[in-house]
Amino acid sequence: MAPWFDRREDWGETDGLRGELVEPGAATQSKRSLAALGAAFGVQVAGRLMDLQWHRRHDGFETGSDQIQAHWLVWLGTILVIAACVIALRAGAGGAERTGYRMTLMANVLYGLVGVIHFIQHLDHREVDWVHVAFAVTNAAAVIGVVAVTIARLKSTSRPEVAAQ
């Protein structure tokens, strides 16, 4: 007889990548981690929309205060996304979810670094094109990471019988 941790009927979900079974408690943590990531990413998207609206109404930045006014919400969202990813990874997210969290984490860390450079450049009243390209790349990578986490989570909950075969 297989040990208690190897009996498939006792396991509720798979990791979504290779169909490996995960502990029942991990499924709840995975759901919470995805909810936290979704909420944080929502704040970040709202911040990007606020930034676009600010730029639509203004010609450019004059002061550091202008930058804070335009970007505070996206910065907050970035910090929340980083925290959500770190917590999910420390909690043991596995398989495709782990890959998605890592991608989202790295994209947001790089976004933060580029954001600091961007802030300093604007304080010097300079515009650097490569920074905007880096923003676009890190934004795209973050979206891909969040989508990867979501798909992996949905696969692990919607069709466990297929993964068990």
Protein backbone atom coordinates (compact mmCIF):
# COMPACT_ATOMS: atom_id res chain seq x y z
CA MET A 1 0.00 0.00 0.00
CA ALA A 2 1.26 3.44 -0.91
CA PRO A 3 2.08 5.91 1.85
CA TRP A 4 -0.65 8.41 2.78
CA PHE A 5 0.98 11.18 0.76
CA ASP A 6 1.01 9.11 -2.44
CA ARG A 7 -2.62 8.01 -2.62
CA ARG A 8 -4.18 9.96 -5.50
CA GLU A 9 -7.72 9.74 -4.17
CA ASP A 10 -6.63 11.76 -1.11
CA TRP A 11 -5.30 14.59 -3.23
CA GLY A 12 -7.61 17.24 -4.53
CA GLU A 13 -5.55 19.06 -7.12
CA THR A 14 -2.55 18.92 -9.43
CA ASP A 15 0.13 21.49 -10.13
CA GLY A 16 -1.21 22.15 -13.63
CA LEU A 17 2.07 21.52 -15.43
CA ARG A 18 2.93 17.83 -15.25
CA GLY A 19 -0.13 16.69 -13.35
CA GLU A 20 1.85 16.21 -10.15
CA LEU A 21 -0.36 16.04 -7.11
CA VAL A 22 -0.14 18.68 -4.44
CA GLU A 23 -1.11 18.65 -0.79
CA PRO A 24 -4.71 19.70 -0.04
CA GLY A 25 -3.50 22.64 2.08
CA ALA A 26 -1.39 23.84 -0.81
CA ALA A 27 -4.52 24.18 -2.95
CA THR A 28 -6.01 26.67 -0.51
CA GLN A 29 -2.71 28.59 -0.34
CA SER A 30 -2.54 28.61 -4.13
CA LYS A 31 -6.05 30.06 -4.35
CA ARG A 32 -5.17 32.78 -1.82
CA SER A 33 -1.91 33.55 -3.60
CA LEU A 34 -3.72 33.96 -6.91
CA ALA A 35 -6.33 36.22 -5.29
CA ALA A 36 -3.58 38.37 -3.74
CA LEU A 37 -1.75 38.58 -7.07
CA GLY A 38 -4.98 39.50 -8.85
CA ALA A 39 -5.78 42.27 -6.38
CA ALA A 40 -2.23 43.65 -6.50
CA PHE A 41 -2.14 43.49 -10.28
CA GLY A 42 -5.49 45.30 -10.36
CA VAL A 43 -3.98 48.14 -8.31
CA GLN A 44 -1.04 48.25 -10.68
CA VAL A 45 -3.27 48.41 -13.78
CA ALA A 46 -5.34 51.17 -12.14
CA GLY A 47 -2.06 53.02 -11.53
CA ARG A 48 -1.09 52.71 -15.16
CA LEU A 49 -4.47 54.09 -16.20
CA MET A 50 -4.06 56.97 -13.76
CA ASP A 51 -0.60 57.64 -15.21
CA LEU A 52 -2.00 57.72 -18.76
CA GLN A 53 -4.75 60.09 -17.69
CA TRP A 54 -2.22 62.39 -15.96
CA HIS A 55 -0.04 62.51 -19.08
CA ARG A 56 -3.06 63.24 -21.25
CA ARG A 57 -3.75 66.39 -19.22
CA HIS A 58 -0.16 67.61 -18.79
CA ASP A 59 2.68 68.40 -21.19
CA GLY A 60 5.43 66.95 -19.01
CA PHE A 61 6.91 66.74 -15.57
CA GLU A 62 8.09 69.90 -13.92
CA THR A 63 8.90 68.59 -10.46
CA GLY A 64 9.33 65.42 -8.46
CA SER A 65 5.92 66.18 -6.99
CA ASP A 66 4.39 65.87 -10.48
CA GLN A 67 5.96 62.45 -10.87
CA ILE A 68 4.65 61.31 -7.51
CA GLN A 69 1.18 62.57 -8.39
CA ALA A 70 1.24 60.67 -11.71
CA HIS A 71 2.88 57.44 -10.55
CA TRP A 72 2.13 56.77 -6.87
CA LEU A 73 -0.58 54.20 -7.57
CA VAL A 74 1.45 52.21 -10.10
CA TRP A 75 4.38 52.22 -7.65
CA LEU A 76 2.11 50.95 -4.89
CA GLY A 77 0.76 48.27 -7.22
CA THR A 78 4.30 47.22 -8.12
CA ILE A 79 5.23 46.83 -4.45
CA LEU A 80 2.05 44.82 -3.81
CA VAL A 81 2.70 42.55 -6.82
CA ILE A 82 6.27 41.92 -5.66
CA ALA A 83 5.01 41.10 -2.15
CA ALA A 84 2.30 38.75 -3.51
CA CYS A 85 4.84 36.91 -5.66
CA VAL A 86 7.38 36.55 -2.85
CA ILE A 87 4.71 35.24 -0.47
CA ALA A 88 3.44 32.74 -3.07
CA LEU A 89 6.95 31.50 -3.82
CA ARG A 90 7.84 31.20 -0.13
CA ALA A 91 4.59 29.29 0.45
CA GLY A 92 5.76 26.71 -2.05
CA ALA A 93 3.95 27.51 -5.30
CA GLY A 94 4.95 24.77 -7.70
CA GLY A 95 5.00 23.83 -11.34
CA ALA A 96 3.69 26.33 -13.85
CA GLU A 97 2.39 28.59 -11.08
CA ARG A 98 5.92 28.90 -9.70
CA THR A 99 7.23 29.80 -13.15
CA GLY A 100 4.53 32.46 -13.56
CA TYR A 101 5.18 33.94 -10.13
CA ARG A 102 8.92 34.07 -10.84
CA MET A 103 8.36 35.79 -14.18
CA THR A 104 5.97 38.31 -12.64
CA LEU A 105 8.38 38.94 -9.76
CA MET A 106 11.38 39.52 -12.03
CA ALA A 107 9.38 41.75 -14.38
CA ASN A 108 8.22 43.91 -11.48
CA VAL A 109 11.66 44.13 -9.86
CA LEU A 110 13.08 45.29 -13.20
CA TYR A 111 10.12 47.66 -13.62
CA GLY A 112 11.00 49.17 -10.24
CA LEU A 113 14.66 49.63 -11.18
CA VAL A 114 13.74 51.21 -14.49
CA GLY A 115 11.22 53.40 -12.63
CA VAL A 116 13.97 54.79 -10.40
CA ILE A 117 16.09 55.60 -13.46
CA HIS A 118 13.06 57.19 -15.12
CA PHE A 119 12.34 59.29 -12.02
CA ILE A 120 15.93 60.58 -11.91
CA GLN A 121 15.95 61.32 -15.64
CA HIS A 122 12.78 63.39 -15.33
CA LEU A 123 14.21 65.30 -12.38
CA ASP A 124 17.05 66.29 -14.72
CA HIS A 125 14.41 67.25 -17.36
CA ARG A 126 15.65 64.56 -19.74
CA GLU A 127 13.68 61.97 -21.63
CA VAL A 128 15.34 58.66 -22.41
CA ASP A 129 13.62 56.47 -25.00
CA TRP A 130 15.15 53.17 -23.87
CA VAL A 131 13.42 53.59 -20.52
CA HIS A 132 10.02 53.54 -22.20
CA VAL A 133 11.00 50.45 -24.19
CA ALA A 134 12.09 48.79 -20.92
CA PHE A 135 8.76 49.74 -19.34
CA ALA A 136 6.89 48.14 -22.25
CA VAL A 137 8.96 44.94 -22.04
CA THR A 138 8.59 44.60 -18.25
CA ASN A 139 4.86 45.35 -18.45
CA ALA A 140 4.40 42.67 -21.12
CA ALA A 141 6.45 40.16 -19.09
CA ALA A 142 4.36 40.88 -15.99
CA VAL A 143 1.12 40.32 -17.89
CA ILE A 144 2.46 37.04 -19.33
CA GLY A 145 3.48 35.95 -15.82
CA VAL A 146 0.08 36.73 -14.32
CA VAL A 147 -1.65 34.92 -17.19
CA ALA A 148 0.66 31.90 -16.69
CA VAL A 149 -0.19 31.74 -12.98
CA THR A 150 -3.91 32.04 -13.73
CA ILE A 151 -3.88 29.35 -16.41
CA ALA A 152 -1.85 26.98 -14.23
CA ARG A 153 -4.25 27.51 -11.35
CA LEU A 154 -7.30 26.96 -13.56
CA LYS A 155 -5.81 23.79 -15.01
CA SER A 156 -5.10 22.41 -11.56
CA THR A 157 -8.68 22.95 -10.38
CA SER A 158 -10.79 22.32 -13.47
CA ARG A 159 -9.60 18.97 -14.77
CA PRO A 160 -7.74 16.92 -12.15
CA GLU A 161 -8.99 13.65 -13.67
CA VAL A 162 -7.11 14.35 -16.93
CA ALA A 163 -3.88 15.12 -15.06
CA ALA A 164 -4.19 11.93 -13.02
CA GLN A 165 -4.23 9.71 -16.13
